[in-house]
PDB file of N, CA and C in Angstrom:
ATOM      1  N   UNK A   1      50.353 -22.719  18.108  1.00  0.00           N
ATOM      2  CA  UNK A   1      49.954 -23.839  17.554  1.00  0.00           C
ATOM      3  C   UNK A   1      50.977 -24.604  16.593  1.00  0.00           C
ATOM      4  N   UNK A   2      50.861 -25.890  16.064  1.00  0.00           N
ATOM      5  CA  UNK A   2      51.842 -26.155  14.949  1.00  0.00           C
ATOM      6  C   UNK A   2      50.960 -27.434  14.500  1.00  0.00           C
ATOM      7  N   UNK A   3      51.132 -27.907  13.170  1.00  0.00           N
ATOM      8  CA  UNK A   3      50.819 -29.302  12.839  1.00  0.00           C
ATOM      9  C   UNK A   3      51.050 -29.412  11.594  1.00  0.00           C
ATOM     10  N   UNK A   4      51.339 -30.623  11.296  1.00  0.00           N
ATOM     11  CA  UNK A   4      51.988 -30.906   9.967  1.00  0.00           C
ATOM     12  C   UNK A   4      51.544 -32.476   9.619  1.00  0.00           C
ATOM     13  N   UNK A   5      50.751 -32.677   7.989  1.00  0.00           N
ATOM     14  CA  UNK A   5      50.139 -33.271   7.074  1.00  0.00           C
ATOM     15  C   UNK A   5      51.031 -34.933   7.361  1.00  0.00           C
ATOM     16  N   UNK A   6      50.510 -36.281   7.696  1.00  0.00           N
ATOM     17  CA  UNK A   6      51.143 -37.168   7.850  1.00  0.00           C
ATOM     18  C   UNK A   6      50.114 -38.515   6.805  1.00  0.00           C
ATOM     19  N   UNK A   7      50.690 -39.570   6.461  1.00  0.00           N
ATOM     20  CA  UNK A   7      49.883 -40.493   6.000  1.00  0.00           C
ATOM     21  C   UNK A   7      50.354 -41.526   6.393  1.00  0.00           C
ATOM     22  N   UNK A   8      49.105 -42.591   7.035  1.00  0.00           N
ATOM     23  CA  UNK A   8      49.367 -43.840   7.606  1.00  0.00           C
ATOM     24  C   UNK A   8      49.958 -44.608   6.754  1.00  0.00           C
ATOM     25  N   UNK A   9      50.961 -45.405   7.210  1.00  0.00           N
ATOM     26  CA  UNK A   9      51.751 -46.159   6.185  1.00  0.00           C
ATOM     27  C   UNK A   9      51.291 -47.712   6.489  1.00  0.00           C
ATOM     28  N   UNK A  10      51.160 -48.026   8.023  1.00  0.00           N
ATOM     29  CA  UNK A  10      51.019 -49.487   8.504  1.00  0.00           C
ATOM     30  C   UNK A  10      49.399 -50.268   7.847  1.00  0.00           C
ATOM     31  N   UNK A  11      49.344 -51.036   7.536  1.00  0.00           N
ATOM     32  CA  UNK A  11      48.786 -52.254   6.394  1.00  0.00           C
ATOM     33  C   UNK A  11      46.948 -52.162   6.897  1.00  0.00           C
ATOM     34  N   UNK A  12      47.102 -52.106   8.783  1.00  0.00           N
ATOM     35  CA  UNK A  12      45.814 -52.167   9.452  1.00  0.00           C
ATOM     36  C   UNK A  12      45.325 -50.377   9.507  1.00  0.00           C
ATOM     37  N   UNK A  13      45.443 -49.767   9.531  1.00  0.00           N
ATOM     38  CA  UNK A  13      45.700 -48.517   9.777  1.00  0.00           C
ATOM     39  C   UNK A  13      45.635 -47.952  11.817  1.00  0.00           C
ATOM     40  N   UNK A  14      44.399 -47.564  12.273  1.00  0.00           N
ATOM     41  CA  UNK A  14      44.986 -47.058  13.895  1.00  0.00           C
ATOM     42  C   UNK A  14      43.785 -47.782  13.492  1.00  0.00           C
ATOM     43  N   UNK A  15      43.851 -49.422  14.600  1.00  0.00           N
ATOM     44  CA  UNK A  15      43.146 -50.963  15.040  1.00  0.00           C
ATOM     45  C   UNK A  15      43.510 -50.392  16.392  1.00  0.00           C
ATOM     46  N   UNK A  16      43.132 -51.069  17.460  1.00  0.00           N
ATOM     47  CA  UNK A  16      43.645 -51.060  19.000  1.00  0.00           C
ATOM     48  C   UNK A  16      44.669 -51.021  19.571  1.00  0.00           C
ATOM     49  N   UNK A  17      46.063 -51.752  18.612  1.00  0.00           N
ATOM     50  CA  UNK A  17      47.179 -51.865  19.801  1.00  0.00           C
ATOM     51  C   UNK A  17      47.743 -50.804  19.063  1.00  0.00           C
ATOM     52  N   UNK A  18      48.272 -50.416  17.728  1.00  0.00           N
ATOM     53  CA  UNK A  18      48.985 -48.810  17.517  1.00  0.00           C
ATOM     54  C   UNK A  18      47.836 -47.751  17.922  1.00  0.00           C
ATOM     55  N   UNK A  19      46.431 -47.524  18.251  1.00  0.00           N
ATOM     56  CA  UNK A  19      45.782 -46.208  18.462  1.00  0.00           C
ATOM     57  C   UNK A  19      45.898 -46.423  20.406  1.00  0.00           C
ATOM     58  N   UNK A  20      45.589 -47.355  20.329  1.00  0.00           N
ATOM     59  CA  UNK A  20      46.560 -47.669  21.917  1.00  0.00           C
ATOM     60  C   UNK A  20      48.070 -46.996  22.547  1.00  0.00           C
ATOM     61  N   UNK A  21      49.083 -47.204  21.665  1.00  0.00           N
ATOM     62  CA  UNK A  21      50.098 -46.800  21.930  1.00  0.00           C
ATOM     63  C   UNK A  21      50.368 -45.787  21.692  1.00  0.00           C
ATOM     64  N   UNK A  22      49.544 -44.852  20.280  1.00  0.00           N
ATOM     65  CA  UNK A  22      49.790 -43.549  19.799  1.00  0.00           C
ATOM     66  C   UNK A  22      49.180 -43.184  20.663  1.00  0.00           C
ATOM     67  N   UNK A  23      48.050 -43.150  22.030  1.00  0.00           N
ATOM     68  CA  UNK A  23      47.304 -42.438  22.568  1.00  0.00           C
ATOM     69  C   UNK A  23      48.081 -42.390  24.101  1.00  0.00           C
ATOM     70  N   UNK A  24      48.717 -43.530  24.404  1.00  0.00           N
ATOM     71  CA  UNK A  24      49.367 -43.505  25.590  1.00  0.00           C
ATOM     72  C   UNK A  24      51.057 -42.508  25.376  1.00  0.00           C
ATOM     73  N   UNK A  25      51.679 -42.876  24.395  1.00  0.00           N
ATOM     74  CA  UNK A  25      52.411 -41.892  23.489  1.00  0.00           C
ATOM     75  C   UNK A  25      52.324 -40.307  24.069  1.00  0.00           C
ATOM     76  N   UNK A  26      50.897 -39.943  22.973  1.00  0.00           N
ATOM     77  CA  UNK A  26      50.451 -38.649  23.601  1.00  0.00           C
ATOM     78  C   UNK A  26      49.998 -38.001  24.938  1.00  0.00           C
ATOM     79  N   UNK A  27      49.710 -39.076  25.536  1.00  0.00           N
ATOM     80  CA  UNK A  27      48.888 -38.874  26.899  1.00  0.00           C
ATOM     81  C   UNK A  27      50.211 -37.878  28.014  1.00  0.00           C
ATOM     82  N   UNK A  28      51.245 -37.944  27.568  1.00  0.00           N
ATOM     83  CA  UNK A  28      52.216 -37.861  28.729  1.00  0.00           C
ATOM     84  C   UNK A  28      52.647 -36.143  28.204  1.00  0.00           C
ATOM     85  N   UNK A  29      52.479 -35.804  27.364  1.00  0.00           N
ATOM     86  CA  UNK A  29      52.354 -33.911  26.956  1.00  0.00           C
ATOM     87  C   UNK A  29      51.283 -33.258  27.452  1.00  0.00           C
ATOM     88  N   UNK A  30      51.806 -32.552  27.620  1.00  0.00           N
ATOM     89  CA  UNK A  30      50.740 -30.630  28.473  1.00  0.00           C
ATOM     90  C   UNK A  30      49.888 -30.171  27.193  1.00  0.00           C
ATOM     91  N   UNK A  31      50.195 -30.155  26.315  1.00  0.00           N
ATOM     92  CA  UNK A  31      49.762 -29.977  25.153  1.00  0.00           C
ATOM     93  C   UNK A  31      48.021 -30.469  24.964  1.00  0.00           C
ATOM     94  N   UNK A  32      47.624 -29.825  24.059  1.00  0.00           N
ATOM     95  CA  UNK A  32      46.177 -30.519  22.932  1.00  0.00           C
ATOM     96  C   UNK A  32      46.966 -30.948  22.050  1.00  0.00           C
ATOM     97  N   UNK A  33      46.720 -32.365  21.781  1.00  0.00           N
ATOM     98  CA  UNK A  33      46.763 -32.648  20.536  1.00  0.00           C
ATOM     99  C   UNK A  33      45.639 -33.453  19.769  1.00  0.00           C
ATOM    100  N   UNK A  34      45.801 -32.916  18.160  1.00  0.00           N
ATOM    101  CA  UNK A  34      44.457 -33.583  17.794  1.00  0.00           C
ATOM    102  C   UNK A  34      44.637 -34.140  16.270  1.00  0.00           C
ATOM    103  N   UNK A  35      44.114 -35.113  16.032  1.00  0.00           N
ATOM    104  CA  UNK A  35      44.491 -36.166  14.881  1.00  0.00           C
ATOM    105  C   UNK A  35      43.021 -35.460  14.140  1.00  0.00           C
ATOM    106  N   UNK A  36      43.185 -34.153  13.183  1.00  0.00           N
ATOM    107  CA  UNK A  36      42.311 -33.833  12.315  1.00  0.00           C
ATOM    108  C   UNK A  36      42.068 -34.943  10.722  1.00  0.00           C
ATOM    109  N   UNK A  37      40.825 -35.340  10.442  1.00  0.00           N
ATOM    110  CA  UNK A  37      40.649 -36.536   9.199  1.00  0.00           C
ATOM    111  C   UNK A  37      39.178 -35.860   8.984  1.00  0.00           C
ATOM    112  N   UNK A  38      38.938 -36.097   8.206  1.00  0.00           N
ATOM    113  CA  UNK A  38      37.929 -35.740   7.277  1.00  0.00           C
ATOM    114  C   UNK A  38      37.039 -34.852   8.094  1.00  0.00           C
ATOM    115  N   UNK A  39      37.381 -33.595   8.713  1.00  0.00           N
ATOM    116  CA  UNK A  39      36.907 -32.457   8.622  1.00  0.00           C
ATOM    117  C   UNK A  39      36.496 -32.656   9.951  1.00  0.00           C
ATOM    118  N   UNK A  40      37.325 -33.126  10.788  1.00  0.00           N
ATOM    119  CA  UNK A  40      36.753 -33.580  12.255  1.00  0.00           C
ATOM    120  C   UNK A  40      38.104 -33.448  13.223  1.00  0.00           C
ATOM    121  N   UNK A  41      38.283 -33.034  14.529  1.00  0.00           N
ATOM    122  CA  UNK A  41      39.364 -33.313  14.953  1.00  0.00           C
ATOM    123  C   UNK A  41      38.789 -34.370  16.209  1.00  0.00           C
ATOM    124  N   UNK A  42      40.181 -35.444  16.530  1.00  0.00           N
ATOM    125  CA  UNK A  42      39.813 -36.283  17.248  1.00  0.00           C
ATOM    126  C   UNK A  42      40.702 -36.381  18.264  1.00  0.00           C
ATOM    127  N   UNK A  43      40.600 -36.513  19.436  1.00  0.00           N
ATOM    128  CA  UNK A  43      41.599 -36.036  20.603  1.00  0.00           C
ATOM    129  C   UNK A  43      42.403 -37.157  20.348  1.00  0.00           C
ATOM    130  N   UNK A  44      43.786 -36.833  20.548  1.00  0.00           N
ATOM    131  CA  UNK A  44      44.852 -37.915  20.194  1.00  0.00           C
ATOM    132  C   UNK A  44      45.651 -38.501  21.215  1.00  0.00           C
ATOM    133  N   UNK A  45      44.820 -38.559  22.494  1.00  0.00           N
ATOM    134  CA  UNK A  45      44.736 -38.972  24.117  1.00  0.00           C
ATOM    135  C   UNK A  45      44.230 -39.608  24.272  1.00  0.00           C
ATOM    136  N   UNK A  46      43.281 -40.202  23.414  1.00  0.00           N
ATOM    137  CA  UNK A  46      41.936 -41.361  23.596  1.00  0.00           C
ATOM    138  C   UNK A  46      41.582 -42.075  22.725  1.00  0.00           C
ATOM    139  N   UNK A  47      41.951 -42.726  23.200  1.00  0.00           N
ATOM    140  CA  UNK A  47      41.872 -44.457  22.736  1.00  0.00           C
ATOM    141  C   UNK A  47      40.487 -44.361  21.944  1.00  0.00           C
ATOM    142  N   UNK A  48      39.208 -44.273  22.202  1.00  0.00           N
ATOM    143  CA  UNK A  48      38.305 -44.621  21.908  1.00  0.00           C
ATOM    144  C   UNK A  48      38.020 -43.377  20.736  1.00  0.00           C
ATOM    145  N   UNK A  49      38.654 -42.126  20.917  1.00  0.00           N
ATOM    146  CA  UNK A  49      38.602 -41.095  19.671  1.00  0.00           C
ATOM    147  C   UNK A  49      39.142 -41.283  18.483  1.00  0.00           C
ATOM    148  N   UNK A  50      40.282 -42.146  18.620  1.00  0.00           N
ATOM    149  CA  UNK A  50      41.058 -42.449  17.532  1.00  0.00           C
ATOM    150  C   UNK A  50      40.660 -43.725  16.669  1.00  0.00           C
ATOM    151  N   UNK A  51      39.972 -44.258  17.845  1.00  0.00           N
ATOM    152  CA  UNK A  51      39.361 -45.924  16.769  1.00  0.00           C
ATOM    153  C   UNK A  51      37.851 -45.599  15.938  1.00  0.00           C
ATOM    154  N   UNK A  52      37.233 -44.330  16.549  1.00  0.00           N
ATOM    155  CA  UNK A  52      36.221 -43.816  16.128  1.00  0.00           C
ATOM    156  C   UNK A  52      36.366 -43.386  15.068  1.00  0.00           C
ATOM    157  N   UNK A  53      37.312 -42.660  14.728  1.00  0.00           N
ATOM    158  CA  UNK A  53      37.614 -42.316  13.683  1.00  0.00           C
ATOM    159  C   UNK A  53      37.888 -42.622  12.587  1.00  0.00           C
ATOM    160  N   UNK A  54      38.285 -44.282  12.747  1.00  0.00           N
ATOM    161  CA  UNK A  54      38.225 -45.127  11.302  1.00  0.00           C
ATOM    162  C   UNK A  54      39.243 -44.888  10.524  1.00  0.00           C
ATOM    163  N   UNK A  55      40.525 -44.890  10.890  1.00  0.00           N
ATOM    164  CA  UNK A  55      41.206 -43.994  10.164  1.00  0.00           C
ATOM    165  C   UNK A  55      41.970 -45.349   9.688  1.00  0.00           C
ATOM    166  N   UNK A  56      42.355 -45.097   8.524  1.00  0.00           N
ATOM    167  CA  UNK A  56      42.628 -47.184   7.749  1.00  0.00           C
ATOM    168  C   UNK A  56      43.924 -46.047   6.818  1.00  0.00           C
ATOM    169  N   UNK A  57      44.264 -47.506   6.151  1.00  0.00           N
ATOM    170  CA  UNK A  57      46.097 -47.344   6.095  1.00  0.00           C
ATOM    171  C   UNK A  57      45.898 -46.531   4.393  1.00  0.00           C
ATOM    172  N   UNK A  58      46.745 -45.487   4.597  1.00  0.00           N
ATOM    173  CA  UNK A  58      47.240 -44.669   3.062  1.00  0.00           C
ATOM    174  C   UNK A  58      46.204 -43.428   3.827  1.00  0.00           C
ATOM    175  N   UNK A  59      45.726 -43.482   4.618  1.00  0.00           N
ATOM    176  CA  UNK A  59      44.682 -42.057   4.226  1.00  0.00           C
ATOM    177  C   UNK A  59      45.959 -40.967   5.586  1.00  0.00           C
ATOM    178  N   UNK A  60      45.128 -39.718   4.404  1.00  0.00           N
ATOM    179  CA  UNK A  60      46.264 -38.736   5.276  1.00  0.00           C
ATOM    180  C   UNK A  60      45.263 -38.035   6.456  1.00  0.00           C
ATOM    181  N   UNK A  61      46.337 -38.036   7.669  1.00  0.00           N
ATOM    182  CA  UNK A  61      45.963 -36.972   8.586  1.00  0.00           C
ATOM    183  C   UNK A  61      46.501 -35.520   8.708  1.00  0.00           C
ATOM    184  N   UNK A  62      46.226 -35.033  10.112  1.00  0.00           N
ATOM    185  CA  UNK A  62      46.975 -34.136  10.353  1.00  0.00           C
ATOM    186  C   UNK A  62      46.621 -33.642  11.497  1.00  0.00           C
ATOM    187  N   UNK A  63      48.002 -33.754  12.157  1.00  0.00           N
ATOM    188  CA  UNK A  63      48.567 -33.931  13.840  1.00  0.00           C
ATOM    189  C   UNK A  63      48.609 -32.418  13.928  1.00  0.00           C
ATOM    190  N   UNK A  64      47.818 -31.883  14.815  1.00  0.00           N
ATOM    191  CA  UNK A  64      47.446 -30.472  15.180  1.00  0.00           C
ATOM    192  C   UNK A  64      48.307 -30.600  17.257  1.00  0.00           C
ATOM    193  N   UNK A  65      48.966 -29.920  17.263  1.00  0.00           N
ATOM    194  CA  UNK A  65      49.895 -29.828  18.506  1.00  0.00           C
ATOM    195  C   UNK A  65      49.282 -28.468  18.796  1.00  0.00           C
ATOM    196  N   UNK A  66      48.865 -28.277  20.311  1.00  0.00           N
ATOM    197  CA  UNK A  66      48.874 -26.442  21.026  1.00  0.00           C
ATOM    198  C   UNK A  66      49.045 -26.479  22.603  1.00  0.00           C
ATOM    199  N   UNK A  67      50.172 -26.276  22.842  1.00  0.00           N
ATOM    200  CA  UNK A  67      50.510 -26.290  24.012  1.00  0.00           C
ATOM    201  C   UNK A  67      52.088 -25.778  24.649  1.00  0.00           C
ATOM    202  N   UNK A  68      52.656 -26.228  25.688  1.00  0.00           N
ATOM    203  CA  UNK A  68      53.773 -25.831  26.163  1.00  0.00           C
ATOM    204  C   UNK A  68      54.846 -26.213  25.311  1.00  0.00           C
ATOM    205  N   UNK A  69      54.321 -27.947  25.420  1.00  0.00           N
ATOM    206  CA  UNK A  69      55.825 -28.566  24.738  1.00  0.00           C
ATOM    207  C   UNK A  69      55.100 -29.239  23.279  1.00  0.00           C
ATOM    208  N   UNK A  70      54.463 -28.290  22.608  1.00  0.00           N
ATOM    209  CA  UNK A  70      54.034 -28.736  21.220  1.00  0.00           C
ATOM    210  C   UNK A  70      54.963 -29.241  19.823  1.00  0.00           C
ATOM    211  N   UNK A  71      55.921 -28.640  19.698  1.00  0.00           N
ATOM    212  CA  UNK A  71      57.151 -29.431  19.242  1.00  0.00           C
ATOM    213  C   UNK A  71      57.344 -30.922  19.413  1.00  0.00           C
ATOM    214  N   UNK A  72      57.733 -30.543  20.712  1.00  0.00           N
ATOM    215  CA  UNK A  72      57.996 -32.197  21.002  1.00  0.00           C
ATOM    216  C   UNK A  72      56.930 -33.320  20.780  1.00  0.00           C
ATOM    217  N   UNK A  73      55.749 -32.616  21.542  1.00  0.00           N
ATOM    218  CA  UNK A  73      54.542 -33.432  20.656  1.00  0.00           C
ATOM    219  C   UNK A  73      54.572 -34.027  19.265  1.00  0.00           C
ATOM    220  N   UNK A  74      54.258 -32.638  18.533  1.00  0.00           N
ATOM    221  CA  UNK A  74      54.204 -33.181  17.156  1.00  0.00           C
ATOM    222  C   UNK A  74      55.354 -34.188  16.647  1.00  0.00           C
ATOM    223  N   UNK A  75      57.063 -33.925  17.023  1.00  0.00           N
ATOM    224  CA  UNK A  75      57.746 -34.765  16.152  1.00  0.00           C
ATOM    225  C   UNK A  75      57.596 -36.210  17.117  1.00  0.00           C
ATOM    226  N   UNK A  76      57.304 -36.460  17.659  1.00  0.00           N
ATOM    227  CA  UNK A  76      56.713 -37.769  18.667  1.00  0.00           C
ATOM    228  C   UNK A  76      55.726 -38.404  17.728  1.00  0.00           C
ATOM    229  N   UNK A  77      54.769 -37.492  17.400  1.00  0.00           N
ATOM    230  CA  UNK A  77      53.237 -37.897  16.985  1.00  0.00           C
ATOM    231  C   UNK A  77      53.914 -38.049  15.580  1.00  0.00           C
ATOM    232  N   UNK A  78      54.409 -37.603  14.295  1.00  0.00           N
ATOM    233  CA  UNK A  78      55.293 -37.825  13.406  1.00  0.00           C
ATOM    234  C   UNK A  78      55.671 -39.105  13.203  1.00  0.00           C
ATOM    235  N   UNK A  79      56.326 -38.775  14.117  1.00  0.00           N
ATOM    236  CA  UNK A  79      57.697 -40.239  13.926  1.00  0.00           C
ATOM    237  C   UNK A  79      57.600 -41.507  14.206  1.00  0.00           C
ATOM    238  N   UNK A  80      55.960 -41.228  15.067  1.00  0.00           N
ATOM    239  CA  UNK A  80      55.573 -43.030  15.400  1.00  0.00           C
ATOM    240  C   UNK A  80      54.469 -43.198  14.171  1.00  0.00           C
ATOM    241  N   UNK A  81      53.684 -42.317  13.240  1.00  0.00           N
ATOM    242  CA  UNK A  81      52.705 -42.398  12.109  1.00  0.00           C
ATOM    243  C   UNK A  81      54.136 -42.954  11.514  1.00  0.00           C
ATOM    244  N   UNK A  82      54.946 -42.693  10.757  1.00  0.00           N
ATOM    245  CA  UNK A  82      55.861 -42.296   9.505  1.00  0.00           C
ATOM    246  C   UNK A  82      56.509 -43.695   9.938  1.00  0.00           C
ATOM    247  N   UNK A  83      56.611 -44.232  10.908  1.00  0.00           N
ATOM    248  CA  UNK A  83      57.650 -45.508  11.527  1.00  0.00           C
ATOM    249  C   UNK A  83      56.152 -46.964  11.087  1.00  0.00           C
ATOM    250  N   UNK A  84      54.974 -46.677  11.450  1.00  0.00           N
ATOM    251  CA  UNK A  84      54.141 -47.261  10.845  1.00  0.00           C
ATOM    252  C   UNK A  84      53.447 -47.850  12.458  1.00  0.00           C
ATOM    253  N   UNK A  85      54.207 -47.717  13.492  1.00  0.00           N
ATOM    254  CA  UNK A  85      52.950 -47.351  15.071  1.00  0.00           C
ATOM    255  C   UNK A  85      53.680 -49.034  15.057  1.00  0.00           C
ATOM    256  N   UNK A  86      54.862 -49.113  15.049  1.00  0.00           N
ATOM    257  CA  UNK A  86      55.472 -50.346  15.496  1.00  0.00           C
ATOM    258  C   UNK A  86      55.073 -51.652  14.857  1.00  0.00           C
ATOM    259  N   UNK A  87      54.011 -51.666  13.554  1.00  0.00           N
ATOM    260  CA  UNK A  87      54.089 -52.782  13.218  1.00  0.00           C
ATOM    261  C   UNK A  87      54.457 -52.727  11.248  1.00  0.00           C
TER     262      UNK A  87
END
């Protein structure tokens, strides 16, 4: 299992478009991927789970990956968040 804390930098946080983009990117990995926020784990492959987490700009989250391609999944997840999720 690998994990890393990152801070959302895009102004609108995880709203529909970036959450959809993030979930689609994570879905291609075999590993289990979670966004840990406010003491709860949210499935990073589920658009609805990400939206339900209500993660706003400036929030610090922990990306947790566990599985055969965990390092690649973590690297892409961190890159997406740090880049502002395309915004």
